[in-house]
């Protein structure tokens, strides 16, 4: 998730750039535009396909292997910022039997629908372009529909896409309102992969591919607790109120602080709408009211950019901050003494979503949930990740090819 350009920023794709990009050659555009407000969710996955004729094995060796791999992403992420032994409270990952969806298309030629956020900001544009790039590599025709930030529009989009009878569908959910449409698609024999977000139980999706929000919230809470020795005053800054992308990590962090670190006092909670401009105003107010904050738990480097600007303007050192990764924040604080711990939410995870959909069409067993690998690092490794020659809007690190980055004007 990358935001930038300090005008208006919406999460997940962050910074609104004003670009309106429609499909590339070979992409069928059904609708245009959209904003990503990631869907709400449950961590239980066993019942996602219940009643739809799709079997899920949750206790066999393949399921256990998937659970171990899921837990491994937690361990690796924790160790990257000095947190040993980090593991999920539960990893209910099952292996979903997709043989009912198997199709034999010699040489490819699948038609896969993408119910997208829309290219309203750099993260979202990169997310969609990564999907389309992967589709070209795998000889897939894309049916594209963008919601333009309106969950009701996305409901209509999913219905329209289903009417075109795609072989499979990938949905970047903006909320639970589309659950019924996803369930209907699955009931009609269309395997659905939820991408870069979550839906609740009973959606019928064969798999959910995203970076674990609970992991993000846990990483940032534990890092702050370790840095402060379990005691101190902190503020919590999150994105748009009510949006799961903001609410889920924050809820997990608050639970950790309450259960494990009673010495950490949360003196303020504010929403910044993933806007550096608003975050700067919020941070200035916090600084005036709480001049002795020991740390700021944040879910966004866009927010952190505003925090840094507020503290710098006041001539005060920026307290330790957390969040996801934006090149603009890294560029702003390079060479400055700003302690941070960041965890990326890579836009190119959409390519992995497409791969899982193709696995389903091949009748292969797929994991009910995939926790996307992502870079996790502190200010000590800033030089390894910052891209001074690239746009503030670039999500770093990036796996997108250089020619695509140039096309998107990100590098």
Protein backbone atom coordinates (compact mmCIF):
# COMPACT_ATOMS: atom_id res chain seq x y z
CA UNK A 1 0.00 0.00 0.00
CA UNK A 2 1.56 3.11 -0.97
CA UNK A 3 0.35 6.58 -0.80
CA UNK A 4 2.22 9.71 -1.41
CA UNK A 5 2.02 12.99 -3.08
CA UNK A 6 0.79 14.83 -0.10
CA UNK A 7 -2.50 15.88 -1.56
CA UNK A 8 -5.27 13.42 -0.83
CA UNK A 9 -4.34 9.86 0.10
CA UNK A 10 -6.55 6.87 0.50
CA UNK A 11 -5.21 3.68 2.00
CA UNK A 12 -4.22 0.55 0.34
CA UNK A 13 -3.24 2.17 -2.72
CA UNK A 14 -2.35 5.36 -1.10
CA UNK A 15 -1.52 8.60 -2.59
CA UNK A 16 -3.96 9.77 -5.11
CA UNK A 17 -2.07 10.66 -8.25
CA UNK A 18 -4.89 11.65 -10.55
CA UNK A 19 -3.94 8.98 -13.07
CA UNK A 20 -6.80 7.16 -14.68
CA UNK A 21 -5.42 4.01 -16.23
CA UNK A 22 -7.60 1.60 -18.10
CA UNK A 23 -6.69 -1.90 -19.13
CA UNK A 24 -3.66 -2.75 -21.18
CA UNK A 25 -3.93 -4.54 -24.50
CA UNK A 26 -5.71 -7.81 -24.04
CA UNK A 27 -7.68 -6.48 -21.05
CA UNK A 28 -11.42 -6.11 -21.42
CA UNK A 29 -12.54 -3.01 -19.50
CA UNK A 30 -15.98 -3.32 -17.95
CA UNK A 31 -15.78 -0.26 -15.71
CA UNK A 32 -13.19 2.17 -14.57
CA UNK A 33 -11.73 3.59 -11.33
CA UNK A 34 -11.88 2.62 -7.64
CA UNK A 35 -10.44 2.80 -4.13
CA UNK A 36 -9.35 -0.06 -1.94
CA UNK A 37 -10.95 -0.32 1.45
CA UNK A 38 -10.03 -3.81 2.44
CA UNK A 39 -12.78 -6.18 3.45
CA UNK A 40 -13.68 -7.26 6.95
CA UNK A 41 -13.12 -10.77 8.10
CA UNK A 42 -12.75 -13.77 10.24
CA UNK A 43 -9.61 -15.74 10.85
CA UNK A 44 -11.59 -19.00 10.72
CA UNK A 45 -11.47 -20.49 7.25
CA UNK A 46 -13.03 -23.95 7.53
CA UNK A 47 -16.55 -22.83 6.63
CA UNK A 48 -15.76 -20.53 3.73
CA UNK A 49 -16.80 -23.12 1.17
CA UNK A 50 -19.53 -24.76 3.23
CA UNK A 51 -22.61 -25.74 1.27
CA UNK A 52 -21.03 -25.11 -2.11
CA UNK A 53 -19.83 -28.61 -2.89
CA UNK A 54 -16.16 -27.79 -2.28
CA UNK A 55 -14.27 -29.89 0.25
CA UNK A 56 -11.61 -28.49 2.58
CA UNK A 57 -9.11 -30.65 4.47
CA UNK A 58 -7.93 -28.94 7.64
CA UNK A 59 -6.10 -31.71 9.52
CA UNK A 60 -4.14 -33.67 6.91
CA UNK A 61 -0.44 -33.37 6.09
CA UNK A 62 -0.93 -30.77 3.34
CA UNK A 63 -3.05 -28.61 5.62
CA UNK A 64 -0.48 -28.90 8.39
CA UNK A 65 2.25 -27.90 5.95
CA UNK A 66 0.23 -24.85 4.94
CA UNK A 67 -0.28 -23.94 8.59
CA UNK A 68 3.44 -24.28 9.25
CA UNK A 69 4.25 -22.08 6.27
CA UNK A 70 1.75 -19.50 7.50
CA UNK A 71 3.35 -19.50 10.95
CA UNK A 72 6.78 -19.23 9.36
CA UNK A 73 5.86 -15.86 7.84
CA UNK A 74 5.18 -14.63 11.37
CA UNK A 75 8.48 -15.95 12.70
CA UNK A 76 10.52 -14.43 9.88
CA UNK A 77 8.78 -11.07 10.14
CA UNK A 78 9.36 -10.90 13.88
CA UNK A 79 13.01 -11.81 13.65
CA UNK A 80 13.54 -9.11 11.03
CA UNK A 81 12.93 -6.46 13.69
CA UNK A 82 14.34 -8.29 16.69
CA UNK A 83 11.22 -10.07 17.92
CA UNK A 84 12.03 -13.72 18.59
CA UNK A 85 9.48 -16.52 18.60
CA UNK A 86 6.60 -14.57 17.10
CA UNK A 87 3.75 -16.86 16.00
CA UNK A 88 0.04 -16.48 15.18
CA UNK A 89 -2.47 -17.18 17.90
CA UNK A 90 -4.09 -19.57 15.45
CA UNK A 91 -3.45 -20.72 11.90
CA UNK A 92 -6.63 -22.38 10.70
CA UNK A 93 -5.37 -22.95 7.19
CA UNK A 94 -7.01 -25.70 5.17
CA UNK A 95 -6.29 -27.29 1.81
CA UNK A 96 -9.26 -26.67 -0.48
CA UNK A 97 -10.13 -29.32 -3.07
CA UNK A 98 -10.79 -27.42 -6.32
CA UNK A 99 -11.28 -30.45 -8.56
CA UNK A 100 -14.90 -29.36 -9.12
CA UNK A 101 -13.56 -26.24 -10.88
CA UNK A 102 -10.93 -28.01 -13.00
CA UNK A 103 -10.86 -27.06 -16.66
CA UNK A 104 -8.58 -28.16 -19.44
CA UNK A 105 -7.65 -25.27 -21.66
CA UNK A 106 -4.74 -26.26 -23.90
CA UNK A 107 -2.21 -23.47 -24.12
CA UNK A 108 -4.00 -21.26 -21.63
CA UNK A 109 -6.76 -18.98 -22.87
CA UNK A 110 -8.59 -18.61 -19.58
CA UNK A 111 -10.87 -15.63 -18.98
CA UNK A 112 -10.40 -14.37 -15.42
CA UNK A 113 -12.38 -11.51 -13.95
CA UNK A 114 -10.78 -8.86 -11.76
CA UNK A 115 -13.18 -6.94 -9.53
CA UNK A 116 -10.76 -4.20 -8.62
CA UNK A 117 -10.33 -1.12 -6.49
CA UNK A 118 -9.49 1.01 -9.48
CA UNK A 119 -6.40 3.05 -10.39
CA UNK A 120 -7.12 6.03 -8.14
CA UNK A 121 -3.70 6.00 -6.48
CA UNK A 122 -0.25 4.57 -6.95
CA UNK A 123 -0.67 1.44 -4.82
CA UNK A 124 -3.92 0.48 -6.53
CA UNK A 125 -2.52 1.18 -9.98
CA UNK A 126 0.52 -0.97 -9.25
CA UNK A 127 -1.71 -3.71 -7.84
CA UNK A 128 -3.79 -3.86 -10.99
CA UNK A 129 -0.89 -3.51 -13.40
CA UNK A 130 0.95 -6.32 -11.64
CA UNK A 131 -2.12 -8.50 -12.13
CA UNK A 132 -2.37 -7.63 -15.82
CA UNK A 133 1.35 -8.15 -16.32
CA UNK A 134 1.11 -11.60 -14.78
CA UNK A 135 -1.96 -12.32 -16.92
CA UNK A 136 0.03 -11.56 -20.07
CA UNK A 137 2.79 -13.88 -18.93
CA UNK A 138 0.29 -16.69 -18.38
CA UNK A 139 -1.85 -16.09 -21.48
CA UNK A 140 -4.93 -15.00 -19.55
CA UNK A 141 -7.64 -12.65 -20.80
CA UNK A 142 -8.76 -10.25 -18.08
CA UNK A 143 -12.30 -9.03 -17.57
CA UNK A 144 -11.78 -5.84 -15.60
CA UNK A 145 -14.22 -3.90 -13.42
CA UNK A 146 -13.35 -1.01 -11.11
CA UNK A 147 -15.47 0.21 -8.20
CA UNK A 148 -14.17 3.77 -7.84
CA UNK A 149 -14.26 3.54 -4.06
CA UNK A 150 -17.93 2.64 -3.88
CA UNK A 151 -18.72 -0.73 -2.35
CA UNK A 152 -22.18 -0.61 -3.91
CA UNK A 153 -20.53 -0.14 -7.29
CA UNK A 154 -18.41 -3.18 -6.59
CA UNK A 155 -21.54 -5.21 -5.83
CA UNK A 156 -22.83 -4.30 -9.29
CA UNK A 157 -19.42 -5.00 -10.82
CA UNK A 158 -19.27 -8.52 -9.43
CA UNK A 159 -22.75 -9.23 -10.73
CA UNK A 160 -21.82 -7.96 -14.20
CA UNK A 161 -18.62 -9.96 -14.24
CA UNK A 162 -20.39 -13.14 -13.19
CA UNK A 163 -22.89 -12.62 -16.01
CA UNK A 164 -19.98 -12.88 -18.46
CA UNK A 165 -19.20 -16.38 -17.16
CA UNK A 166 -15.47 -16.02 -16.50
CA UNK A 167 -13.46 -19.14 -15.76
CA UNK A 168 -12.45 -17.66 -12.39
CA UNK A 169 -12.64 -14.40 -10.48
CA UNK A 170 -10.24 -12.39 -8.33
CA UNK A 171 -11.82 -9.82 -6.03
CA UNK A 172 -10.06 -6.98 -4.22
CA UNK A 173 -12.81 -6.42 -1.65
CA UNK A 174 -13.87 -3.02 -0.40
CA UNK A 175 -16.20 -4.44 2.23
CA UNK A 176 -18.42 -7.30 3.26
CA UNK A 177 -21.29 -6.00 1.13
CA UNK A 178 -20.04 -8.07 -1.80
CA UNK A 179 -20.10 -11.35 0.16
CA UNK A 180 -23.45 -12.38 -1.26
CA UNK A 181 -22.30 -11.79 -4.83
CA UNK A 182 -19.10 -13.74 -4.24
CA UNK A 183 -21.12 -16.58 -2.76
CA UNK A 184 -23.42 -16.54 -5.80
CA UNK A 185 -20.44 -16.68 -8.17
CA UNK A 186 -19.03 -19.68 -6.32
CA UNK A 187 -22.42 -21.40 -6.41
CA UNK A 188 -22.41 -20.99 -10.19
CA UNK A 189 -19.13 -22.87 -10.46
CA UNK A 190 -16.79 -19.87 -10.63
CA UNK A 191 -13.81 -20.17 -8.26
CA UNK A 192 -13.22 -16.89 -6.46
CA UNK A 193 -9.94 -15.73 -4.91
CA UNK A 194 -10.12 -12.86 -2.43
CA UNK A 195 -7.06 -10.66 -2.99
CA UNK A 196 -5.41 -8.00 -0.80
CA UNK A 197 -8.26 -8.11 1.69
CA UNK A 198 -10.74 -10.37 3.43
CA UNK A 199 -14.37 -11.36 3.49
CA UNK A 200 -16.21 -13.05 6.31
CA UNK A 201 -17.09 -16.70 6.67
CA UNK A 202 -19.40 -18.28 4.16
CA UNK A 203 -18.24 -16.21 1.19
CA UNK A 204 -17.48 -19.36 -0.80
CA UNK A 205 -14.05 -18.10 -1.85
CA UNK A 206 -11.57 -20.90 -2.48
CA UNK A 207 -8.67 -18.86 -1.08
CA UNK A 208 -7.76 -15.54 0.47
CA UNK A 209 -4.39 -14.09 -0.55
CA UNK A 210 -3.25 -11.09 1.49
CA UNK A 211 -0.77 -9.84 4.03
CA UNK A 212 -2.04 -10.76 7.49
CA UNK A 213 -3.43 -7.67 9.22
CA UNK A 214 -3.08 -9.23 12.65
CA UNK A 215 0.58 -9.82 11.88
CA UNK A 216 1.07 -6.18 10.97
CA UNK A 217 -0.64 -4.97 14.14
CA UNK A 218 1.30 -7.43 16.27
CA UNK A 219 4.68 -6.51 14.77
CA UNK A 220 4.21 -2.83 15.45
CA UNK A 221 2.83 -3.32 18.97
CA UNK A 222 5.57 -5.73 20.04
CA UNK A 223 8.32 -3.57 18.55
CA UNK A 224 7.09 -0.53 20.47
CA UNK A 225 6.75 -2.55 23.67
CA UNK A 226 10.28 -3.88 23.34
CA UNK A 227 11.73 -0.47 22.55
CA UNK A 228 10.00 1.12 25.54
CA UNK A 229 10.72 -1.74 27.92
CA UNK A 230 7.00 -2.28 28.38
CA UNK A 231 6.35 1.19 29.82
CA UNK A 232 5.50 4.55 28.33
CA UNK A 233 2.91 6.86 26.83
CA UNK A 234 1.88 6.29 23.24
CA UNK A 235 -0.66 7.52 20.71
CA UNK A 236 -2.34 5.30 18.13
CA UNK A 237 -2.93 6.73 14.65
CA UNK A 238 -4.90 4.70 12.13
CA UNK A 239 -6.46 5.32 8.74
CA UNK A 240 -10.14 5.61 7.90
CA UNK A 241 -12.53 4.80 10.74
CA UNK A 242 -14.48 1.61 10.14
CA UNK A 243 -12.26 0.33 7.34
CA UNK A 244 -10.93 -3.14 8.20
CA UNK A 245 -7.47 -2.23 6.89
CA UNK A 246 -7.34 0.29 9.71
CA UNK A 247 -9.46 -1.44 12.34
CA UNK A 248 -7.97 -4.96 12.31
CA UNK A 249 -4.31 -4.10 12.97
CA UNK A 250 -5.31 -1.54 15.59
CA UNK A 251 -7.60 -4.00 17.38
CA UNK A 252 -4.84 -6.61 17.50
CA UNK A 253 -2.33 -4.08 18.83
CA UNK A 254 -4.69 -2.83 21.53
CA UNK A 255 -5.32 -6.39 22.62
CA UNK A 256 -1.58 -7.00 22.93
CA UNK A 257 -1.00 -3.80 24.91
CA UNK A 258 -3.88 -4.59 27.26
CA UNK A 259 -2.96 -8.22 27.91
CA UNK A 260 0.82 -8.09 27.92
CA UNK A 261 1.97 -4.55 28.60
CA UNK A 262 -0.16 -2.75 31.21
CA UNK A 263 2.67 -0.27 31.65
CA UNK A 264 2.02 1.15 28.19
CA UNK A 265 -0.58 3.91 28.36
CA UNK A 266 -2.52 4.80 25.21
CA UNK A 267 -3.19 8.49 25.76
CA UNK A 268 -4.80 9.23 22.40
CA UNK A 269 -6.37 7.49 19.41
CA UNK A 270 -6.91 9.39 16.18
CA UNK A 271 -7.76 8.68 12.56
CA UNK A 272 -5.68 10.30 9.84
CA UNK A 273 -7.59 9.01 6.78
CA UNK A 274 -4.19 7.99 5.40
CA UNK A 275 -3.49 11.61 4.57
CA UNK A 276 -0.10 13.13 5.34
CA UNK A 277 -1.73 16.56 5.52
CA UNK A 278 -4.29 15.47 8.11
CA UNK A 279 -1.65 13.44 9.96
CA UNK A 280 0.52 16.55 10.25
CA UNK A 281 -2.37 18.46 11.84
CA UNK A 282 -3.19 15.58 14.18
CA UNK A 283 0.46 15.19 15.19
CA UNK A 284 0.82 18.93 15.88
CA UNK A 285 -2.18 18.75 18.19
CA UNK A 286 -0.79 15.68 19.92
CA UNK A 287 2.56 17.37 20.37
CA UNK A 288 0.91 20.36 22.02
CA UNK A 289 -1.17 18.20 24.35
CA UNK A 290 1.30 15.38 24.98
CA UNK A 291 4.83 16.76 24.52
CA UNK A 292 6.36 13.70 26.16
CA UNK A 293 4.98 10.90 23.94
CA UNK A 294 7.33 7.92 23.95
CA UNK A 295 6.13 6.40 20.67
CA UNK A 296 3.41 6.55 18.05
CA UNK A 297 1.76 3.34 16.87
CA UNK A 298 0.78 4.04 13.27
CA UNK A 299 -0.49 1.80 10.50
CA UNK A 300 0.88 3.90 7.65
CA UNK A 301 4.09 5.51 6.48
CA UNK A 302 1.92 8.20 4.90
CA UNK A 303 0.76 9.08 8.39
CA UNK A 304 4.37 8.93 9.55
CA UNK A 305 5.35 11.48 6.93
CA UNK A 306 2.88 13.95 8.43
CA UNK A 307 4.08 13.11 11.94
CA UNK A 308 7.69 13.72 10.92
CA UNK A 309 6.82 17.06 9.33
CA UNK A 310 4.90 18.22 12.41
CA UNK A 311 7.68 17.34 14.83
CA UNK A 312 10.38 18.77 12.56
CA UNK A 313 8.50 22.03 12.16
CA UNK A 314 8.22 22.24 15.95
CA UNK A 315 11.93 21.55 16.33
CA UNK A 316 11.26 18.33 18.24
CA UNK A 317 12.69 14.85 17.64
CA UNK A 318 10.20 12.45 16.06
CA UNK A 319 9.26 9.63 18.46
CA UNK A 320 9.52 6.02 17.29
CA UNK A 321 6.83 5.25 14.71
CA UNK A 322 5.50 2.16 12.92
CA UNK A 323 3.52 1.44 9.76
CA UNK A 324 3.72 0.13 6.26
CA UNK A 325 6.23 1.33 3.68
CA UNK A 326 6.29 4.26 1.29
CA UNK A 327 9.29 5.52 -0.63
CA UNK A 328 8.32 9.11 0.17
CA UNK A 329 8.65 8.57 3.92
CA UNK A 330 11.98 6.82 3.53
CA UNK A 331 13.30 9.65 1.35
CA UNK A 332 12.09 12.26 3.85
CA UNK A 333 13.78 10.70 6.88
CA UNK A 334 16.96 9.43 5.24
CA UNK A 335 19.88 10.75 7.22
CA UNK A 336 17.59 11.89 10.03
CA UNK A 337 17.30 10.29 13.46
CA UNK A 338 13.79 8.87 13.14
CA UNK A 339 13.36 5.42 14.73
CA UNK A 340 10.82 3.23 12.96
CA UNK A 341 9.67 -0.30 12.24
CA UNK A 342 7.85 -0.83 8.94
CA UNK A 343 6.18 -3.77 7.24
CA UNK A 344 5.34 -3.65 3.54
CA UNK A 345 1.95 -4.43 2.01
CA UNK A 346 3.18 -5.25 -1.52
CA UNK A 347 0.85 -4.29 -4.38
CA UNK A 348 2.28 -7.04 -6.58
CA UNK A 349 0.61 -9.64 -4.37
CA UNK A 350 -2.14 -9.52 -7.01
CA UNK A 351 0.07 -11.66 -9.26
CA UNK A 352 0.03 -14.33 -6.55
CA UNK A 353 -3.76 -14.05 -6.42
CA UNK A 354 -3.91 -14.81 -10.14
CA UNK A 355 -1.61 -17.80 -9.73
CA UNK A 356 -3.88 -19.25 -7.05
CA UNK A 357 -6.91 -18.80 -9.32
CA UNK A 358 -5.10 -20.65 -12.09
CA UNK A 359 -4.20 -23.43 -9.66
CA UNK A 360 -7.90 -23.77 -8.90
CA UNK A 361 -8.68 -24.04 -12.61
CA UNK A 362 -6.07 -26.78 -12.82
CA UNK A 363 -7.95 -28.66 -10.09
CA UNK A 364 -5.03 -28.42 -7.69
CA UNK A 365 -5.52 -28.13 -3.95
CA UNK A 366 -5.04 -24.56 -2.80
CA UNK A 367 -4.55 -23.17 0.72
CA UNK A 368 -7.62 -21.48 2.15
CA UNK A 369 -5.41 -18.55 3.13
CA UNK A 370 -2.04 -17.31 1.92
CA UNK A 371 -0.09 -14.89 4.10
CA UNK A 372 1.89 -12.90 1.56
CA UNK A 373 5.59 -12.50 2.29
CA UNK A 374 6.66 -8.88 2.72
CA UNK A 375 9.70 -6.89 3.75
CA UNK A 376 9.89 -5.94 7.43
CA UNK A 377 12.68 -3.63 8.61
CA UNK A 378 13.75 -0.82 10.91
CA UNK A 379 15.44 2.52 10.37
CA UNK A 380 18.78 0.71 10.59
CA UNK A 381 18.10 -0.77 7.14
CA UNK A 382 16.64 2.31 5.47
CA UNK A 383 19.46 2.54 2.95
CA UNK A 384 18.67 -0.94 1.68
CA UNK A 385 15.10 -0.05 0.72
CA UNK A 386 14.91 3.64 -0.16
CA UNK A 387 14.83 4.47 -3.89
CA UNK A 388 15.94 8.13 -4.17
CA UNK A 389 15.66 8.03 -7.96
CA UNK A 390 12.03 6.90 -7.89
CA UNK A 391 8.68 8.49 -7.13
CA UNK A 392 7.46 9.02 -3.59
CA UNK A 393 4.51 6.86 -4.60
CA UNK A 394 6.59 3.75 -5.25
CA UNK A 395 5.80 0.82 -2.96
CA UNK A 396 9.18 -0.46 -1.80
CA UNK A 397 10.67 -2.92 -2.16
CA UNK A 398 9.16 -3.65 -5.55
CA UNK A 399 9.19 -6.74 -7.73
CA UNK A 400 7.69 -4.94 -10.71
CA UNK A 401 9.89 -4.96 -13.84
CA UNK A 402 11.76 -1.78 -14.74
CA UNK A 403 9.79 -1.19 -17.93
CA UNK A 404 6.49 -1.34 -16.05
CA UNK A 405 7.78 1.02 -13.36
CA UNK A 406 8.78 3.44 -16.11
CA UNK A 407 5.38 3.12 -17.77
CA UNK A 408 3.69 3.92 -14.48
CA UNK A 409 6.07 6.86 -13.97
CA UNK A 410 7.20 5.40 -10.65
CA UNK A 411 10.88 5.19 -11.61
